[in-house]
C-alpha atoms as a PDB file:
ATOM      1  CA  MET A   1      26.094  20.109 180.849  1.00  0.00           C
ATOM      2  CA  LEU A   2      25.224  16.985 178.108  1.00  0.00           C
ATOM      3  CA  GLY A   3      21.736  18.442 177.366  1.00  0.00           C
ATOM      4  CA  LYS A   4      23.269  21.517 175.932  1.00  0.00           C
ATOM      5  CA  VAL A   5      26.486  19.790 174.334  1.00  0.00           C
ATOM      6  CA  ARG A   6      23.734  17.619 172.334  1.00  0.00           C
ATOM      7  CA  LYS A   7      21.588  20.647 171.932  1.00  0.00           C
ATOM      8  CA  VAL A   8      23.890  22.718 170.413  1.00  0.00           C
ATOM      9  CA  THR A   9      25.096  19.561 168.127  1.00  0.00           C
ATOM     10  CA  PHE A  10      21.410  19.119 166.676  1.00  0.00           C
ATOM     11  CA  ILE A  11      21.596  23.503 166.135  1.00  0.00           C
ATOM     12  CA  VAL A  12      24.917  23.178 164.397  1.00  0.00           C
ATOM     13  CA  LEU A  13      23.913  19.670 162.546  1.00  0.00           C
ATOM     14  CA  SER A  14      20.328  21.452 161.043  1.00  0.00           C
ATOM     15  CA  PHE A  15      21.805  24.258 159.954  1.00  0.00           C
ATOM     16  CA  GLY A  16      24.531  22.816 157.837  1.00  0.00           C
ATOM     17  CA  LEU A  17      21.850  20.222 156.299  1.00  0.00           C
ATOM     18  CA  LEU A  18      19.728  22.845 155.227  1.00  0.00           C
ATOM     19  CA  GLY A  19      23.012  24.152 153.731  1.00  0.00           C
ATOM     20  CA  TRP A  20      22.850  21.634 151.991  1.00  0.00           C
ATOM     21  CA  ALA A  21      19.959  20.998 150.662  1.00  0.00           C
ATOM     22  CA  VAL A  22      19.302  24.742 150.055  1.00  0.00           C
ATOM     23  CA  ALA A  23      22.501  23.816 147.801  1.00  0.00           C
ATOM     24  CA  GLN A  24      20.827  21.521 146.261  1.00  0.00           C
ATOM     25  CA  THR A  25      17.718  23.868 144.659  1.00  0.00           C
ATOM     26  CA  THR A  26      19.471  24.985 141.742  1.00  0.00           C
ATOM     27  CA  GLY A  27      22.183  24.042 138.692  1.00  0.00           C
ATOM     28  CA  LYS A  28      24.022  25.291 136.140  1.00  0.00           C
ATOM     29  CA  ILE A  29      24.052  25.687 132.467  1.00  0.00           C
ATOM     30  CA  ALA A  30      27.672  25.531 130.745  1.00  0.00           C
ATOM     31  CA  GLY A  31      28.258  24.501 126.997  1.00  0.00           C
ATOM     32  CA  LYS A  32      30.601  26.238 124.123  1.00  0.00           C
ATOM     33  CA  VAL A  33      29.692  27.974 120.867  1.00  0.00           C
ATOM     34  CA  LYS A  34      31.152  27.446 117.622  1.00  0.00           C
ATOM     35  CA  ASP A  35      30.932  28.205 114.049  1.00  0.00           C
ATOM     36  CA  LYS A  36      29.275  24.954 111.818  1.00  0.00           C
ATOM     37  CA  ALA A  37      31.143  25.799 109.201  1.00  0.00           C
ATOM     38  CA  THR A  38      34.345  26.491 110.013  1.00  0.00           C
ATOM     39  CA  ASN A  39      34.571  25.137 114.530  1.00  0.00           C
ATOM     40  CA  GLN A  40      35.939  28.654 115.167  1.00  0.00           C
ATOM     41  CA  ALA A  41      34.739  29.561 118.949  1.00  0.00           C
ATOM     42  CA  ILE A  42      32.848  32.058 119.209  1.00  0.00           C
ATOM     43  CA  ILE A  43      33.320  35.128 120.944  1.00  0.00           C
ATOM     44  CA  GLY A  44      31.152  37.281 123.060  1.00  0.00           C
ATOM     45  CA  VAL A  45      28.088  35.616 121.963  1.00  0.00           C
ATOM     46  CA  ASN A  46      24.724  36.702 124.168  1.00  0.00           C
ATOM     47  CA  VAL A  47      23.167  32.782 125.059  1.00  0.00           C
ATOM     48  CA  ALA A  48      20.070  33.205 127.515  1.00  0.00           C
ATOM     49  CA  ILE A  49      17.402  31.222 128.571  1.00  0.00           C
ATOM     50  CA  LYS A  50      14.042  31.008 127.464  1.00  0.00           C
ATOM     51  CA  GLY A  51      10.912  31.355 130.342  1.00  0.00           C
ATOM     52  CA  VAL A  52      13.854  32.540 132.668  1.00  0.00           C
ATOM     53  CA  SER A  53      15.620  35.401 133.224  1.00  0.00           C
ATOM     54  CA  LEU A  54      19.401  33.926 133.086  1.00  0.00           C
ATOM     55  CA  GLY A  55      22.103  34.265 130.627  1.00  0.00           C
ATOM     56  CA  ALA A  56      25.576  34.867 129.780  1.00  0.00           C
ATOM     57  CA  ALA A  57      27.922  36.115 127.247  1.00  0.00           C
ATOM     58  CA  THR A  58      30.866  33.631 125.886  1.00  0.00           C
ATOM     59  CA  ASP A  59      34.585  34.213 126.619  1.00  0.00           C
ATOM     60  CA  ALA A  60      36.768  34.482 124.594  1.00  0.00           C
ATOM     61  CA  ASN A  61      37.094  29.747 124.538  1.00  0.00           C
ATOM     62  CA  GLY A  62      33.434  30.490 123.213  1.00  0.00           C
ATOM     63  CA  TRP A  63      33.044  29.432 126.917  1.00  0.00           C
ATOM     64  CA  TYR A  64      29.622  30.237 129.130  1.00  0.00           C
ATOM     65  CA  MET A  65      27.626  29.230 132.422  1.00  0.00           C
ATOM     66  CA  ILE A  66      24.782  29.918 133.770  1.00  0.00           C
ATOM     67  CA  LEU A  67      24.795  29.266 137.119  1.00  0.00           C
ATOM     68  CA  ASN A  68      21.716  29.354 139.485  1.00  0.00           C
ATOM     69  CA  MET A  69      19.139  27.416 137.076  1.00  0.00           C
ATOM     70  CA  PRO A  70      16.439  26.124 139.391  1.00  0.00           C
ATOM     71  CA  PRO A  71      14.999  22.816 139.055  1.00  0.00           C
ATOM     72  CA  GLY A  72      12.140  21.982 136.573  1.00  0.00           C
ATOM     73  CA  SER A  73      12.881  24.696 134.250  1.00  0.00           C
ATOM     74  CA  GLN A  74      13.976  24.251 130.783  1.00  0.00           C
END
């Protein structure tokens, strides 16, 4: 019985560590787009990352967020 408990515990911990490792393989880029002259937020700007098929549009306050950015990317 004790061997079975150890095996189940090992499997559960292995999946937990695997999930943690996978979660660490991507990043996030976020920022705000503002007009240089007026310092006002710019709405609806498309922000794209060169060399990667990722991007986002700014919200009503000029903020954007790009998720799942591969590590080591530009």
